[in-house]
Amino acid sequence: MPGSPEPGHSQLKRAIGMLCEAGLSVLLIWWLTASIDIGRLRTTIADLQLGSVALAAILMVLQTAIIGWRWHRIVRFLGWCALLYVKVGFFTLSTQSGFGLVNHSIAFIERAPDRYAVIRDVLLKHREQRLAAVGHYRNTIWHAWPEIKQVTGLSLPEASREMQKMSLEMFARHPARYGVSVANAWVDFWTVPILWNLDWVTPGWLGSPLAAVWWVEHKLLRIANAAFVMLVFLVLISRRVRLRVKWDLDLTAISALILLSSILQALADQGASSRYAVTIQALVVVVVMVAWLRFREERPQAAAA
C-alpha cells in the first residue's frame, strides 16, 4: 500500500525501541543500586520481621482485589460452578480430580475391583505401552482417555468421578502402595521443573545464553530446596539449631505453608510434581537466605561467648 512503512523498517524501529527501553532500565537499576550498602542490607534482611511483611502483602493483595472488584466476575464464577453442579453433580471449578488420582493408582491398577474392569483393563494396556515406549507410565490416563471414552461412553466429568471412586477404594485397600506413590510425588516436588521450549524463544540466539543461565539457576534452586528440607528437619529435632538461626513464628508459618503445599499436591497427583512448586519456590529461597544470614550473625557472638 503506498505510503505504508515496509515490514523490515517497522521491525527495526521496534527493535531499536526495545533496546532503548532495556538500556534505560539497566541505567535506572544501576543508579538505584549503586549507593546501596550491602552490609547494611544484609543486616536489615536478617532482622526483617517476615510476619509484618507477609501481613502487608496480604493487605495489599486484598486492597487490590477490592479496588478491582467486579460483580460480573463473581457471577461468572458462581454460574460456572452451578452449571457443573447441574451437569455432573459437583459444585466445583474442576471436573478432572479423578484423573490426577489415577496417576497414583496406575502403579497397581491391576488390583482395581472387578466392577471397574473395563476402565482397569484399558489403563493396564496403556500403562504397559507407555512403559515400553518411554520407560515410565506418568500421565497414562491422558493417553488412555480416548479409548476409555469410546468403550464406556462416559463424558470426561463422569469418567473422572468414576476413576476417583475407583482410586479411593484402591487406596483404602492398599494404603502402603498409595503411600509409596505419595512419597515419590513428594520427593519429585523438590526437583525444580524446566517448563520451557527453547525452540519458541525469539530471537533464536537468546536460546544458548538462557540455557546456560538456567543451568546454573536450576542447580542453585535444587541446593536451596535440599537446604530447606534439611533445615526444617534439624529445626524440628534440635533446640540448638533453632537458637542459632533464631527460628521464630515467621519462619515457622512460611515453612508450614511450603510443606503443606508439597504434601497436598503429593496426595492428589503424581507425575511431574515439581511444577506445583513454582508458586512457592521464592519462599523456599527466602527461608534459606534468612536462616543463613541469622546463622552467620550468631557465629561471632557464639565465638565471643
C-alpha atoms as a PDB file:
ATOM      1  CA  MET A   1       0.000   0.000   0.000  1.00  0.00           C
ATOM      2  CA  PRO A   2       1.522   3.408  -0.987  1.00  0.00           C
ATOM      3  CA  GLY A   3       2.900   5.387   1.920  1.00  0.00           C
ATOM      4  CA  SER A   4       2.825   2.476   4.386  1.00  0.00           C
ATOM      5  CA  PRO A   5       6.121   1.535   6.109  1.00  0.00           C
ATOM      6  CA  GLU A   6       7.944  -1.555   4.928  1.00  0.00           C
ATOM      7  CA  PRO A   7       7.827  -4.624   7.254  1.00  0.00           C
ATOM      8  CA  GLY A   8      11.607  -4.582   7.727  1.00  0.00           C
ATOM      9  CA  HIS A   9      11.539  -0.909   8.679  1.00  0.00           C
ATOM     10  CA  SER A  10       8.789  -1.496  11.286  1.00  0.00           C
ATOM     11  CA  GLN A  11      10.693  -4.396  12.830  1.00  0.00           C
ATOM     12  CA  LEU A  12      13.875  -2.293  13.001  1.00  0.00           C
ATOM     13  CA  LYS A  13      12.013   0.540  14.754  1.00  0.00           C
ATOM     14  CA  ARG A  14      10.513  -1.939  17.232  1.00  0.00           C
ATOM     15  CA  ALA A  15      13.929  -3.493  17.920  1.00  0.00           C
ATOM     16  CA  ILE A  16      15.558  -0.070  18.459  1.00  0.00           C
ATOM     17  CA  GLY A  17      12.730   0.911  20.806  1.00  0.00           C
ATOM     18  CA  MET A  18      13.129  -2.286  22.829  1.00  0.00           C
ATOM     19  CA  LEU A  19      16.896  -1.777  23.072  1.00  0.00           C
ATOM     20  CA  CYS A  20      16.413   1.817  24.254  1.00  0.00           C
ATOM     21  CA  GLU A  21      13.923   0.696  26.901  1.00  0.00           C
ATOM     22  CA  ALA A  22      16.247  -2.091  28.046  1.00  0.00           C
ATOM     23  CA  GLY A  23      19.216   0.290  28.224  1.00  0.00           C
ATOM     24  CA  LEU A  24      17.234   2.860  30.191  1.00  0.00           C
ATOM     25  CA  SER A  25      16.054   0.157  32.585  1.00  0.00           C
ATOM     26  CA  VAL A  26      19.624  -1.040  33.176  1.00  0.00           C
ATOM     27  CA  LEU A  27      20.789   2.523  33.854  1.00  0.00           C
ATOM     28  CA  LEU A  28      17.944   3.128  36.309  1.00  0.00           C
ATOM     29  CA  ILE A  29      18.620  -0.135  38.142  1.00  0.00           C
ATOM     30  CA  TRP A  30      22.347   0.694  38.324  1.00  0.00           C
ATOM     31  CA  TRP A  31      21.619   4.210  39.611  1.00  0.00           C
ATOM     32  CA  LEU A  32      19.221   2.910  42.261  1.00  0.00           C
ATOM     33  CA  THR A  33      21.538   0.138  43.491  1.00  0.00           C
ATOM     34  CA  ALA A  34      24.938   1.878  43.223  1.00  0.00           C
ATOM     35  CA  SER A  35      24.612   3.582  46.592  1.00  0.00           C
ATOM     36  CA  ILE A  36      23.243   0.583  48.491  1.00  0.00           C
ATOM     37  CA  ASP A  37      25.278  -0.545  51.466  1.00  0.00           C
ATOM     38  CA  ILE A  38      25.368  -4.337  51.031  1.00  0.00           C
ATOM     39  CA  GLY A  39      26.403  -4.973  54.642  1.00  0.00           C
ATOM     40  CA  ARG A  40      23.577  -2.855  55.980  1.00  0.00           C
ATOM     41  CA  LEU A  41      21.132  -4.519  53.588  1.00  0.00           C
ATOM     42  CA  ARG A  42      22.234  -7.956  54.822  1.00  0.00           C
ATOM     43  CA  THR A  43      21.646  -6.878  58.423  1.00  0.00           C
ATOM     44  CA  THR A  44      18.250  -5.442  57.557  1.00  0.00           C
ATOM     45  CA  ILE A  45      17.168  -8.665  55.836  1.00  0.00           C
ATOM     46  CA  ALA A  46      18.360 -10.740  58.792  1.00  0.00           C
ATOM     47  CA  ASP A  47      16.319  -8.615  61.216  1.00  0.00           C
ATOM     48  CA  LEU A  48      13.312  -8.478  58.930  1.00  0.00           C
ATOM     49  CA  GLN A  49      10.007  -9.262  60.592  1.00  0.00           C
ATOM     50  CA  LEU A  50       8.591 -11.569  57.952  1.00  0.00           C
ATOM     51  CA  GLY A  51       5.249 -11.728  59.684  1.00  0.00           C
ATOM     52  CA  SER A  52       4.800  -7.986  59.231  1.00  0.00           C
ATOM     53  CA  VAL A  53       5.902  -8.211  55.601  1.00  0.00           C
ATOM     54  CA  ALA A  54       3.509 -11.099  54.965  1.00  0.00           C
ATOM     55  CA  LEU A  55       0.649  -9.176  56.592  1.00  0.00           C
ATOM     56  CA  ALA A  56       1.441  -6.112  54.499  1.00  0.00           C
ATOM     57  CA  ALA A  57       1.493  -8.239  51.332  1.00  0.00           C
ATOM     58  CA  ILE A  58      -1.847  -9.815  52.235  1.00  0.00           C
ATOM     59  CA  LEU A  59      -3.384  -6.394  52.888  1.00  0.00           C
ATOM     60  CA  MET A  60      -2.009  -5.091  49.597  1.00  0.00           C
ATOM     61  CA  VAL A  61      -3.446  -8.039  47.692  1.00  0.00           C
ATOM     62  CA  LEU A  62      -6.774  -7.612  49.494  1.00  0.00           C
ATOM     63  CA  GLN A  63      -6.820  -3.904  48.704  1.00  0.00           C
ATOM     64  CA  THR A  64      -6.032  -4.591  45.049  1.00  0.00           C
ATOM     65  CA  ALA A  65      -8.800  -7.186  44.912  1.00  0.00           C
ATOM     66  CA  ILE A  66     -11.290  -4.749  46.426  1.00  0.00           C
ATOM     67  CA  ILE A  67     -10.262  -1.948  44.057  1.00  0.00           C
ATOM     68  CA  GLY A  68     -10.569  -4.260  41.062  1.00  0.00           C
ATOM     69  CA  TRP A  69     -13.759  -5.863  42.294  1.00  0.00           C
ATOM     70  CA  ARG A  70     -16.278  -6.662  39.602  1.00  0.00           C
ATOM     71  CA  TRP A  71     -19.544  -8.317  40.445  1.00  0.00           C
ATOM     72  CA  HIS A  72     -19.859  -9.846  36.999  1.00  0.00           C
ATOM     73  CA  ARG A  73     -16.732 -11.911  37.735  1.00  0.00           C
ATOM     74  CA  ILE A  74     -18.343 -13.325  40.866  1.00  0.00           C
ATOM     75  CA  VAL A  75     -21.493 -14.090  38.894  1.00  0.00           C
ATOM     76  CA  ARG A  76     -19.447 -15.881  36.245  1.00  0.00           C
ATOM     77  CA  PHE A  77     -17.579 -17.864  38.906  1.00  0.00           C
ATOM     78  CA  LEU A  78     -20.757 -18.944  40.702  1.00  0.00           C
ATOM     79  CA  GLY A  79     -22.512 -19.530  37.411  1.00  0.00           C
ATOM     80  CA  TRP A  80     -19.782 -21.871  36.208  1.00  0.00           C
ATOM     81  CA  CYS A  81     -19.829 -23.839  39.465  1.00  0.00           C
ATOM     82  CA  ALA A  82     -23.645 -24.019  39.324  1.00  0.00           C
ATOM     83  CA  LEU A  83     -23.511 -25.245  35.735  1.00  0.00           C
ATOM     84  CA  LEU A  84     -21.120 -28.036  36.694  1.00  0.00           C
ATOM     85  CA  TYR A  85     -23.346 -28.957  39.622  1.00  0.00           C
ATOM     86  CA  VAL A  86     -26.379 -29.240  37.342  1.00  0.00           C
ATOM     87  CA  LYS A  87     -24.478 -31.207  34.709  1.00  0.00           C
ATOM     88  CA  VAL A  88     -22.270 -33.521  36.767  1.00  0.00           C
ATOM     89  CA  GLY A  89     -23.441 -33.154  40.372  1.00  0.00           C
ATOM     90  CA  PHE A  90     -20.347 -31.305  41.679  1.00  0.00           C
ATOM     91  CA  PHE A  91     -20.239 -27.641  42.738  1.00  0.00           C
ATOM     92  CA  THR A  92     -16.611 -27.185  41.741  1.00  0.00           C
ATOM     93  CA  LEU A  93     -14.266 -25.493  39.311  1.00  0.00           C
ATOM     94  CA  SER A  94     -12.576 -28.730  38.175  1.00  0.00           C
ATOM     95  CA  THR A  95     -14.055 -31.901  36.759  1.00  0.00           C
ATOM     96  CA  GLN A  96     -10.732 -33.752  36.416  1.00  0.00           C
ATOM     97  CA  SER A  97      -9.709 -34.540  40.005  1.00  0.00           C
ATOM     98  CA  GLY A  98     -10.182 -38.274  39.380  1.00  0.00           C
ATOM     99  CA  PHE A  99      -7.627 -38.152  36.586  1.00  0.00           C
ATOM    100  CA  GLY A 100      -4.994 -36.873  38.998  1.00  0.00           C
ATOM    101  CA  LEU A 101      -5.695 -39.684  41.458  1.00  0.00           C
ATOM    102  CA  VAL A 102      -5.236 -42.252  38.684  1.00  0.00           C
ATOM    103  CA  ASN A 103      -1.637 -41.079  38.427  1.00  0.00           C
ATOM    104  CA  HIS A 104      -1.265 -42.735  41.838  1.00  0.00           C
ATOM    105  CA  SER A 105      -3.423 -45.818  41.307  1.00  0.00           C
ATOM    106  CA  ILE A 106      -1.979 -46.569  37.855  1.00  0.00           C
ATOM    107  CA  ALA A 107       1.057 -48.166  39.557  1.00  0.00           C
ATOM    108  CA  PHE A 108      -1.129 -51.022  40.812  1.00  0.00           C
ATOM    109  CA  ILE A 109      -4.163 -50.659  38.571  1.00  0.00           C
ATOM    110  CA  GLU A 110      -4.320 -54.426  38.080  1.00  0.00           C
ATOM    111  CA  ARG A 111      -5.675 -54.608  41.644  1.00  0.00           C
ATOM    112  CA  ALA A 112      -8.714 -52.471  40.870  1.00  0.00           C
ATOM    113  CA  PRO A 113     -12.067 -54.106  41.796  1.00  0.00           C
ATOM    114  CA  ASP A 114     -13.793 -56.110  39.083  1.00  0.00           C
ATOM    115  CA  ARG A 115     -16.684 -53.657  38.766  1.00  0.00           C
ATOM    116  CA  TYR A 116     -14.148 -51.262  37.221  1.00  0.00           C
ATOM    117  CA  ALA A 117     -12.840 -53.967  34.882  1.00  0.00           C
ATOM    118  CA  VAL A 118     -13.479 -52.027  31.663  1.00  0.00           C
ATOM    119  CA  ILE A 119     -11.545 -48.959  32.794  1.00  0.00           C
ATOM    120  CA  ARG A 120      -8.949 -51.089  34.582  1.00  0.00           C
ATOM    121  CA  ASP A 121      -8.122 -53.149  31.506  1.00  0.00           C
ATOM    122  CA  VAL A 122      -7.761 -50.108  29.265  1.00  0.00           C
ATOM    123  CA  LEU A 123      -5.473 -48.389  31.771  1.00  0.00           C
ATOM    124  CA  LEU A 124      -3.410 -51.542  32.232  1.00  0.00           C
ATOM    125  CA  LYS A 125      -2.912 -51.893  28.486  1.00  0.00           C
ATOM    126  CA  HIS A 126      -1.829 -48.288  28.066  1.00  0.00           C
ATOM    127  CA  ARG A 127       0.421 -48.469  31.112  1.00  0.00           C
ATOM    128  CA  GLU A 128       2.384 -51.312  29.534  1.00  0.00           C
ATOM    129  CA  GLN A 129       2.522 -49.458  26.211  1.00  0.00           C
ATOM    130  CA  ARG A 130       3.891 -46.329  27.897  1.00  0.00           C
ATOM    131  CA  LEU A 131       6.479 -48.358  29.788  1.00  0.00           C
ATOM    132  CA  ALA A 132       7.674 -49.941  26.569  1.00  0.00           C
ATOM    133  CA  ALA A 133       7.687 -46.656  24.637  1.00  0.00           C
ATOM    134  CA  VAL A 134       9.138 -44.110  27.076  1.00  0.00           C
ATOM    135  CA  GLY A 135      10.185 -46.103  30.160  1.00  0.00           C
ATOM    136  CA  HIS A 136       7.574 -44.687  32.548  1.00  0.00           C
ATOM    137  CA  TYR A 137       3.793 -44.534  32.902  1.00  0.00           C
ATOM    138  CA  ARG A 138       3.278 -40.992  34.171  1.00  0.00           C
ATOM    139  CA  ASN A 139       0.065 -39.392  32.896  1.00  0.00           C
ATOM    140  CA  THR A 140      -1.031 -42.664  31.302  1.00  0.00           C
ATOM    141  CA  ILE A 141      -4.610 -41.605  31.935  1.00  0.00           C
ATOM    142  CA  TRP A 142      -4.485 -38.956  29.213  1.00  0.00           C
ATOM    143  CA  HIS A 143      -3.160 -41.454  26.680  1.00  0.00           C
ATOM    144  CA  ALA A 144      -5.868 -43.928  27.668  1.00  0.00           C
ATOM    145  CA  TRP A 145      -8.696 -41.410  27.865  1.00  0.00           C
ATOM    146  CA  PRO A 146      -9.841 -41.594  24.189  1.00  0.00           C
ATOM    147  CA  GLU A 147     -10.249 -45.376  24.443  1.00  0.00           C
ATOM    148  CA  ILE A 148     -11.921 -45.151  27.863  1.00  0.00           C
ATOM    149  CA  LYS A 149     -14.392 -42.666  26.425  1.00  0.00           C
ATOM    150  CA  GLN A 150     -15.055 -44.958  23.482  1.00  0.00           C
ATOM    151  CA  VAL A 151     -15.628 -48.161  25.439  1.00  0.00           C
ATOM    152  CA  THR A 152     -17.567 -46.656  28.353  1.00  0.00           C
ATOM    153  CA  GLY A 153     -19.483 -43.850  26.681  1.00  0.00           C
ATOM    154  CA  LEU A 154     -18.762 -41.664  29.716  1.00  0.00           C
ATOM    155  CA  SER A 155     -18.138 -37.938  29.474  1.00  0.00           C
ATOM    156  CA  LEU A 156     -14.971 -36.534  30.981  1.00  0.00           C
ATOM    157  CA  PRO A 157     -16.639 -35.432  34.271  1.00  0.00           C
ATOM    158  CA  GLU A 158     -18.430 -38.763  34.581  1.00  0.00           C
ATOM    159  CA  ALA A 159     -15.244 -40.718  33.896  1.00  0.00           C
ATOM    160  CA  SER A 160     -13.322 -38.557  36.363  1.00  0.00           C
ATOM    161  CA  ARG A 161     -15.898 -39.251  39.071  1.00  0.00           C
ATOM    162  CA  GLU A 162     -15.787 -42.985  38.320  1.00  0.00           C
ATOM    163  CA  MET A 163     -11.985 -43.097  38.434  1.00  0.00           C
ATOM    164  CA  GLN A 164     -11.969 -41.055  41.607  1.00  0.00           C
ATOM    165  CA  LYS A 165     -14.195 -43.621  43.320  1.00  0.00           C
ATOM    166  CA  MET A 166     -12.069 -46.448  41.936  1.00  0.00           C
ATOM    167  CA  SER A 167      -8.802 -44.873  43.077  1.00  0.00           C
ATOM    168  CA  LEU A 168     -10.053 -44.005  46.572  1.00  0.00           C
ATOM    169  CA  GLU A 169     -11.256 -47.560  47.054  1.00  0.00           C
ATOM    170  CA  MET A 170      -7.877 -48.873  45.907  1.00  0.00           C
ATOM    171  CA  PHE A 171      -6.057 -46.540  48.304  1.00  0.00           C
ATOM    172  CA  ALA A 172      -8.176 -47.801  51.191  1.00  0.00           C
ATOM    173  CA  ARG A 173      -7.384 -51.414  50.283  1.00  0.00           C
ATOM    174  CA  HIS A 174      -3.689 -50.842  49.543  1.00  0.00           C
ATOM    175  CA  PRO A 175      -2.542 -47.937  51.735  1.00  0.00           C
ATOM    176  CA  ALA A 176       1.133 -48.936  51.548  1.00  0.00           C
ATOM    177  CA  ARG A 177       1.166 -48.762  47.731  1.00  0.00           C
ATOM    178  CA  TYR A 178      -0.561 -45.399  47.846  1.00  0.00           C
ATOM    179  CA  GLY A 179       1.898 -44.212  50.493  1.00  0.00           C
ATOM    180  CA  VAL A 180       4.885 -45.127  48.335  1.00  0.00           C
ATOM    181  CA  SER A 181       3.397 -43.240  45.398  1.00  0.00           C
ATOM    182  CA  VAL A 182       2.707 -40.188  47.568  1.00  0.00           C
ATOM    183  CA  ALA A 183       6.290 -40.299  48.859  1.00  0.00           C
ATOM    184  CA  ASN A 184       7.633 -40.376  45.304  1.00  0.00           C
ATOM    185  CA  ALA A 185       5.422 -37.406  44.370  1.00  0.00           C
ATOM    186  CA  TRP A 186       6.631 -35.508  47.432  1.00  0.00           C
ATOM    187  CA  VAL A 187      10.293 -36.071  46.526  1.00  0.00           C
ATOM    188  CA  ASP A 188       9.605 -35.063  42.926  1.00  0.00           C
ATOM    189  CA  PHE A 189       8.100 -31.805  44.220  1.00  0.00           C
ATOM    190  CA  TRP A 190      11.594 -30.556  45.170  1.00  0.00           C
ATOM    191  CA  THR A 191      13.412 -31.368  41.920  1.00  0.00           C
ATOM    192  CA  VAL A 192      12.741 -27.962  40.237  1.00  0.00           C
ATOM    193  CA  PRO A 193      10.871 -28.080  36.915  1.00  0.00           C
ATOM    194  CA  ILE A 194      12.103 -26.968  33.493  1.00  0.00           C
ATOM    195  CA  LEU A 195       8.905 -25.758  31.834  1.00  0.00           C
ATOM    196  CA  TRP A 196      10.008 -24.224  28.562  1.00  0.00           C
ATOM    197  CA  ASN A 197      10.808 -24.895  24.923  1.00  0.00           C
ATOM    198  CA  LEU A 198      13.867 -23.033  23.660  1.00  0.00           C
ATOM    199  CA  ASP A 199      12.695 -23.501  20.074  1.00  0.00           C
ATOM    200  CA  TRP A 200       9.977 -20.933  20.779  1.00  0.00           C
ATOM    201  CA  VAL A 201      12.411 -18.270  22.004  1.00  0.00           C
ATOM    202  CA  THR A 202      12.926 -15.359  19.645  1.00  0.00           C
ATOM    203  CA  PRO A 203      15.384 -14.172  18.567  1.00  0.00           C
ATOM    204  CA  GLY A 204      16.952 -17.599  18.309  1.00  0.00           C
ATOM    205  CA  TRP A 205      20.410 -16.515  19.512  1.00  0.00           C
ATOM    206  CA  LEU A 206      18.977 -15.980  23.003  1.00  0.00           C
ATOM    207  CA  GLY A 207      18.500 -19.737  23.422  1.00  0.00           C
ATOM    208  CA  SER A 208      22.104 -20.588  24.275  1.00  0.00           C
ATOM    209  CA  PRO A 209      22.707 -17.870  26.922  1.00  0.00           C
ATOM    210  CA  LEU A 210      19.305 -18.537  28.504  1.00  0.00           C
ATOM    211  CA  ALA A 211      20.080 -22.249  28.685  1.00  0.00           C
ATOM    212  CA  ALA A 212      23.450 -21.502  30.327  1.00  0.00           C
ATOM    213  CA  VAL A 213      21.879 -19.164  32.897  1.00  0.00           C
ATOM    214  CA  TRP A 214      19.117 -21.637  33.653  1.00  0.00           C
ATOM    215  CA  TRP A 215      21.626 -24.474  34.090  1.00  0.00           C
ATOM    216  CA  VAL A 216      23.257 -22.522  36.912  1.00  0.00           C
ATOM    217  CA  GLU A 217      19.940 -21.338  38.386  1.00  0.00           C
ATOM    218  CA  HIS A 218      18.498 -24.851  38.272  1.00  0.00           C
ATOM    219  CA  LYS A 219      21.394 -26.225  40.343  1.00  0.00           C
ATOM    220  CA  LEU A 220      21.189 -23.351  42.841  1.00  0.00           C
ATOM    221  CA  LEU A 221      17.453 -23.843  43.326  1.00  0.00           C
ATOM    222  CA  ARG A 222      17.930 -27.561  43.892  1.00  0.00           C
ATOM    223  CA  ILE A 223      20.566 -26.776  46.506  1.00  0.00           C
ATOM    224  CA  ALA A 224      18.145 -24.313  48.124  1.00  0.00           C
ATOM    225  CA  ASN A 225      15.401 -26.941  48.212  1.00  0.00           C
ATOM    226  CA  ALA A 226      17.722 -29.534  49.753  1.00  0.00           C
ATOM    227  CA  ALA A 227      18.921 -26.958  52.288  1.00  0.00           C
ATOM    228  CA  PHE A 228      15.328 -26.076  53.186  1.00  0.00           C
ATOM    229  CA  VAL A 229      14.317 -29.682  53.805  1.00  0.00           C
ATOM    230  CA  MET A 230      17.446 -30.306  55.879  1.00  0.00           C
ATOM    231  CA  LEU A 231      16.933 -27.053  57.786  1.00  0.00           C
ATOM    232  CA  VAL A 232      13.347 -27.893  58.711  1.00  0.00           C
ATOM    233  CA  PHE A 233      14.396 -31.378  59.807  1.00  0.00           C
ATOM    234  CA  LEU A 234      17.176 -30.006  62.025  1.00  0.00           C
ATOM    235  CA  VAL A 235      14.903 -27.331  63.470  1.00  0.00           C
ATOM    236  CA  LEU A 236      12.361 -29.996  64.426  1.00  0.00           C
ATOM    237  CA  ILE A 237      14.882 -32.133  66.309  1.00  0.00           C
ATOM    238  CA  SER A 238      17.409 -29.633  67.654  1.00  0.00           C
ATOM    239  CA  ARG A 239      16.796 -26.725  70.015  1.00  0.00           C
ATOM    240  CA  ARG A 240      20.379 -25.606  69.432  1.00  0.00           C
ATOM    241  CA  VAL A 241      19.742 -25.169  65.697  1.00  0.00           C
ATOM    242  CA  ARG A 242      16.565 -23.227  66.424  1.00  0.00           C
ATOM    243  CA  LEU A 243      18.524 -20.839  68.609  1.00  0.00           C
ATOM    244  CA  ARG A 244      21.420 -20.475  66.148  1.00  0.00           C
ATOM    245  CA  VAL A 245      19.162 -19.460  63.249  1.00  0.00           C
ATOM    246  CA  LYS A 246      16.757 -17.522  65.508  1.00  0.00           C
ATOM    247  CA  TRP A 247      13.858 -19.637  64.325  1.00  0.00           C
ATOM    248  CA  ASP A 248      10.625 -17.772  65.022  1.00  0.00           C
ATOM    249  CA  LEU A 249       6.920 -17.727  64.233  1.00  0.00           C
ATOM    250  CA  ASP A 250       7.503 -16.033  60.889  1.00  0.00           C
ATOM    251  CA  LEU A 251       9.804 -18.765  59.584  1.00  0.00           C
ATOM    252  CA  THR A 252       7.506 -21.403  61.057  1.00  0.00           C
ATOM    253  CA  ALA A 253       4.453 -20.018  59.239  1.00  0.00           C
ATOM    254  CA  ILE A 254       6.225 -19.703  55.885  1.00  0.00           C
ATOM    255  CA  SER A 255       7.778 -23.162  56.177  1.00  0.00           C
ATOM    256  CA  ALA A 256       4.422 -24.662  57.134  1.00  0.00           C
ATOM    257  CA  LEU A 257       2.866 -23.146  54.007  1.00  0.00           C
ATOM    258  CA  ILE A 258       5.633 -24.623  51.845  1.00  0.00           C
ATOM    259  CA  LEU A 259       5.395 -28.069  53.428  1.00  0.00           C
ATOM    260  CA  LEU A 260       1.593 -28.069  53.256  1.00  0.00           C
ATOM    261  CA  SER A 261       1.770 -27.306  49.537  1.00  0.00           C
ATOM    262  CA  SER A 262       4.228 -30.155  48.984  1.00  0.00           C
ATOM    263  CA  ILE A 263       2.044 -32.628  50.889  1.00  0.00           C
ATOM    264  CA  LEU A 264      -1.317 -31.660  49.377  1.00  0.00           C
ATOM    265  CA  GLN A 265      -0.078 -31.925  45.793  1.00  0.00           C
ATOM    266  CA  ALA A 266       1.530 -35.284  46.580  1.00  0.00           C
ATOM    267  CA  LEU A 267      -1.748 -36.634  47.944  1.00  0.00           C
ATOM    268  CA  ALA A 268      -3.747 -35.502  44.897  1.00  0.00           C
ATOM    269  CA  ASP A 269      -1.460 -36.198  41.931  1.00  0.00           C
ATOM    270  CA  GLN A 270       1.733 -37.878  40.796  1.00  0.00           C
ATOM    271  CA  GLY A 271       3.919 -37.183  37.799  1.00  0.00           C
ATOM    272  CA  ALA A 272       5.935 -34.015  37.100  1.00  0.00           C
ATOM    273  CA  SER A 273       5.029 -32.909  40.613  1.00  0.00           C
ATOM    274  CA  SER A 274       7.748 -30.258  40.602  1.00  0.00           C
ATOM    275  CA  ARG A 275       5.504 -27.992  38.530  1.00  0.00           C
ATOM    276  CA  TYR A 276       3.387 -27.430  41.629  1.00  0.00           C
ATOM    277  CA  ALA A 277       6.424 -25.962  43.416  1.00  0.00           C
ATOM    278  CA  VAL A 278       6.705 -22.976  41.089  1.00  0.00           C
ATOM    279  CA  THR A 279       4.420 -20.798  43.230  1.00  0.00           C
ATOM    280  CA  ILE A 280       6.358 -21.370  46.472  1.00  0.00           C
ATOM    281  CA  GLN A 281       9.924 -21.571  45.140  1.00  0.00           C
ATOM    282  CA  ALA A 282      10.679 -17.964  46.094  1.00  0.00           C
ATOM    283  CA  LEU A 283       9.514 -18.644  49.662  1.00  0.00           C
ATOM    284  CA  VAL A 284      11.978 -21.525  49.932  1.00  0.00           C
ATOM    285  CA  VAL A 285      14.827 -19.232  48.911  1.00  0.00           C
ATOM    286  CA  VAL A 286      13.692 -16.573  51.415  1.00  0.00           C
ATOM    287  CA  VAL A 287      13.639 -19.032  54.326  1.00  0.00           C
ATOM    288  CA  VAL A 288      17.071 -20.438  53.473  1.00  0.00           C
ATOM    289  CA  MET A 289      18.641 -16.997  52.994  1.00  0.00           C
ATOM    290  CA  VAL A 290      17.197 -15.550  56.207  1.00  0.00           C
ATOM    291  CA  ALA A 291      18.269 -18.606  58.215  1.00  0.00           C
ATOM    292  CA  TRP A 292      21.783 -18.423  56.733  1.00  0.00           C
ATOM    293  CA  LEU A 293      22.165 -14.708  57.469  1.00  0.00           C
ATOM    294  CA  ARG A 294      20.961 -15.178  61.031  1.00  0.00           C
ATOM    295  CA  PHE A 295      23.324 -18.130  61.469  1.00  0.00           C
ATOM    296  CA  ARG A 296      26.294 -16.058  60.272  1.00  0.00           C
ATOM    297  CA  GLU A 297      25.378 -13.234  62.625  1.00  0.00           C
ATOM    298  CA  GLU A 298      25.182 -15.678  65.522  1.00  0.00           C
ATOM    299  CA  ARG A 299      28.645 -17.177  64.904  1.00  0.00           C
ATOM    300  CA  PRO A 300      30.714 -14.208  66.122  1.00  0.00           C
ATOM    301  CA  GLN A 301      28.522 -13.932  69.217  1.00  0.00           C
ATOM    302  CA  ALA A 302      28.953 -17.635  69.941  1.00  0.00           C
ATOM    303  CA  ALA A 303      32.742 -17.374  69.473  1.00  0.00           C
ATOM    304  CA  ALA A 304      32.956 -14.362  71.792  1.00  0.00           C
ATOM    305  CA  ALA A 305      30.951 -16.188  74.447  1.00  0.00           C
END
